[in-house]
Amino acid sequence: MIKVVAGVCIRYIDNVPHVLLGLKPDGHWEFPGGKVEPKESDSQALEREWIEELDTLIEVKEFYTSIQTYPYDVWFYKIDLTEENGDGSEAREKEHVEVTWFSLDNLNSIPMADGNELVANMLTEDYL
């Protein structure tokens, strides 16, 4: 299995939890992240991937869950944007078609990449 890390960034807008997602060219939304390189920790990989994909600095918090979708073993971590990034409005579409904040109560209405919808359902249960 290929190890992948993804970041779950939650922010409250008008007291409603939202997550930052990226739109892949195939039309599916995902929690941004990518493959862990040899000799790289999960945190290092996630920080690198968010810079590469979104031009955004993050702070990796706690492990949230993992999902296996062959050939990937995806580890999801809660993350915070660093102060330099403020509210996340600076996130850019470097490797995604679009990057936007979605309300947790609207996640079931968007097409999500394999495994990501399971994490979205868990977040909805945990935060709503």
Protein backbone atom coordinates (compact mmCIF):
# COMPACT_ATOMS: atom_id res chain seq x y z
CA MET A 1 0.00 0.00 0.00
CA ILE A 2 1.15 3.54 -0.77
CA LYS A 3 0.96 5.82 2.27
CA VAL A 4 -0.78 9.14 1.71
CA VAL A 5 -1.56 11.94 4.17
CA ALA A 6 -4.41 14.44 3.95
CA GLY A 7 -5.28 17.51 5.99
CA VAL A 8 -8.64 18.25 7.56
CA CYS A 9 -8.83 21.99 8.16
CA ILE A 10 -11.96 23.10 10.05
CA ARG A 11 -13.00 26.71 10.54
CA TYR A 12 -16.20 28.18 11.87
CA ILE A 13 -18.05 30.66 9.67
CA ASP A 14 -21.13 32.20 11.35
CA ASN A 15 -20.88 29.47 14.02
CA VAL A 16 -21.10 26.70 11.39
CA PRO A 17 -18.12 24.34 10.87
CA HIS A 18 -16.60 24.43 7.37
CA VAL A 19 -13.76 22.39 5.80
CA LEU A 20 -11.29 23.44 3.12
CA LEU A 21 -11.46 21.15 0.07
CA GLY A 22 -9.75 21.05 -3.31
CA LEU A 23 -11.44 20.14 -6.58
CA LYS A 24 -9.52 17.55 -8.62
CA PRO A 25 -9.53 17.75 -12.44
CA ASP A 26 -11.76 14.64 -12.51
CA GLY A 27 -14.58 16.61 -10.81
CA HIS A 28 -14.23 15.17 -7.29
CA TRP A 29 -13.48 17.16 -4.13
CA GLU A 30 -10.81 16.02 -1.69
CA PHE A 31 -9.02 16.88 1.53
CA PRO A 32 -5.66 18.17 0.23
CA GLY A 33 -2.57 16.04 0.76
CA GLY A 34 -0.33 13.56 -0.99
CA LYS A 35 2.19 10.74 -0.83
CA VAL A 36 4.70 10.40 1.99
CA GLU A 37 8.25 10.39 0.60
CA PRO A 38 10.97 8.03 1.95
CA LYS A 39 12.46 9.23 5.27
CA GLU A 40 9.69 11.83 5.62
CA SER A 41 7.36 11.96 8.63
CA ASP A 42 3.60 12.27 8.12
CA SER A 43 3.75 15.87 9.39
CA GLN A 44 6.60 16.78 7.05
CA ALA A 45 4.77 15.25 4.09
CA LEU A 46 1.53 17.04 4.91
CA GLU A 47 3.27 20.40 5.36
CA ARG A 48 5.11 19.92 2.05
CA GLU A 49 1.98 18.87 0.18
CA TRP A 50 -0.06 21.87 1.39
CA ILE A 51 2.70 24.21 0.22
CA GLU A 52 2.92 22.41 -3.14
CA GLU A 53 -0.84 22.15 -3.69
CA LEU A 54 -2.20 25.29 -2.01
CA ASP A 55 0.81 27.56 -1.36
CA THR A 56 -0.35 27.51 2.26
CA LEU A 57 1.51 26.97 5.54
CA ILE A 58 -0.10 24.66 8.09
CA GLU A 59 0.42 23.27 11.56
CA VAL A 60 -0.30 19.56 11.81
CA LYS A 61 -2.38 18.64 14.85
CA GLU A 62 -3.70 15.22 15.87
CA PHE A 63 -4.38 12.13 13.80
CA TYR A 64 -8.07 11.86 12.87
CA THR A 65 -8.60 8.59 10.97
CA SER A 66 -7.27 6.42 8.16
CA ILE A 67 -8.98 4.94 5.13
CA GLN A 68 -7.71 2.26 2.76
CA THR A 69 -8.67 2.66 -0.87
CA TYR A 70 -6.42 0.40 -2.92
CA PRO A 71 -3.61 1.10 -3.61
CA TYR A 72 -3.60 3.90 -1.02
CA ASP A 73 -3.54 3.93 2.77
CA VAL A 74 -4.69 7.49 3.52
CA TRP A 75 -4.02 8.99 6.94
CA PHE A 76 -6.11 12.06 7.75
CA TYR A 77 -4.80 14.63 10.23
CA LYS A 78 -6.49 17.67 11.67
CA ILE A 79 -4.56 20.77 10.74
CA ASP A 80 -4.62 24.51 11.39
CA LEU A 81 -3.56 27.22 9.01
CA THR A 82 -0.63 29.18 10.40
CA GLU A 83 -1.14 32.81 11.38
CA GLU A 84 0.61 33.89 8.19
CA ASN A 85 -2.35 32.49 6.27
CA GLY A 86 -5.07 34.12 8.35
CA ASP A 87 -8.47 32.70 7.47
CA GLY A 88 -7.30 30.55 4.57
CA SER A 89 -8.43 32.94 1.90
CA GLU A 90 -4.87 32.89 0.58
CA ALA A 91 -5.08 29.20 -0.42
CA ARG A 92 -4.43 28.95 -4.15
CA GLU A 93 -5.40 26.45 -6.81
CA LYS A 94 -1.90 25.26 -7.72
CA GLU A 95 -2.80 21.59 -8.28
CA HIS A 96 -6.58 21.81 -7.89
CA VAL A 97 -9.15 23.31 -10.24
CA GLU A 98 -10.66 25.18 -7.28
CA VAL A 99 -10.18 25.44 -3.51
CA THR A 100 -13.07 26.47 -1.27
CA TRP A 101 -14.64 26.19 2.18
CA PHE A 102 -17.67 23.90 2.46
CA SER A 103 -20.15 23.81 5.30
CA LEU A 104 -20.18 20.36 6.92
CA ASP A 105 -23.95 20.18 6.47
CA ASN A 106 -23.51 20.49 2.66
CA LEU A 107 -20.82 17.86 2.11
CA ASN A 108 -23.27 15.15 1.10
CA SER A 109 -24.27 17.23 -1.93
CA ILE A 110 -20.84 17.32 -3.60
CA PRO A 111 -18.94 14.53 -5.40
CA MET A 112 -15.96 13.44 -3.31
CA ALA A 113 -12.86 11.38 -4.07
CA ASP A 114 -12.76 7.74 -2.90
CA GLY A 115 -12.54 7.53 0.89
CA ASN A 116 -13.02 11.26 1.38
CA GLU A 117 -16.79 10.92 1.67
CA LEU A 118 -16.32 8.54 4.64
CA VAL A 119 -14.21 11.16 6.41
CA ALA A 120 -16.80 13.83 5.55
CA ASN A 121 -19.50 11.66 7.16
CA MET A 122 -17.37 11.20 10.28
CA LEU A 123 -16.80 14.96 10.53
CA THR A 124 -20.52 15.61 10.18
CA GLU A 125 -21.23 13.19 13.04
CA ASP A 126 -18.46 14.69 15.21
CA TYR A 127 -19.19 18.38 14.63
CA LEU A 128 -22.91 18.74 13.89
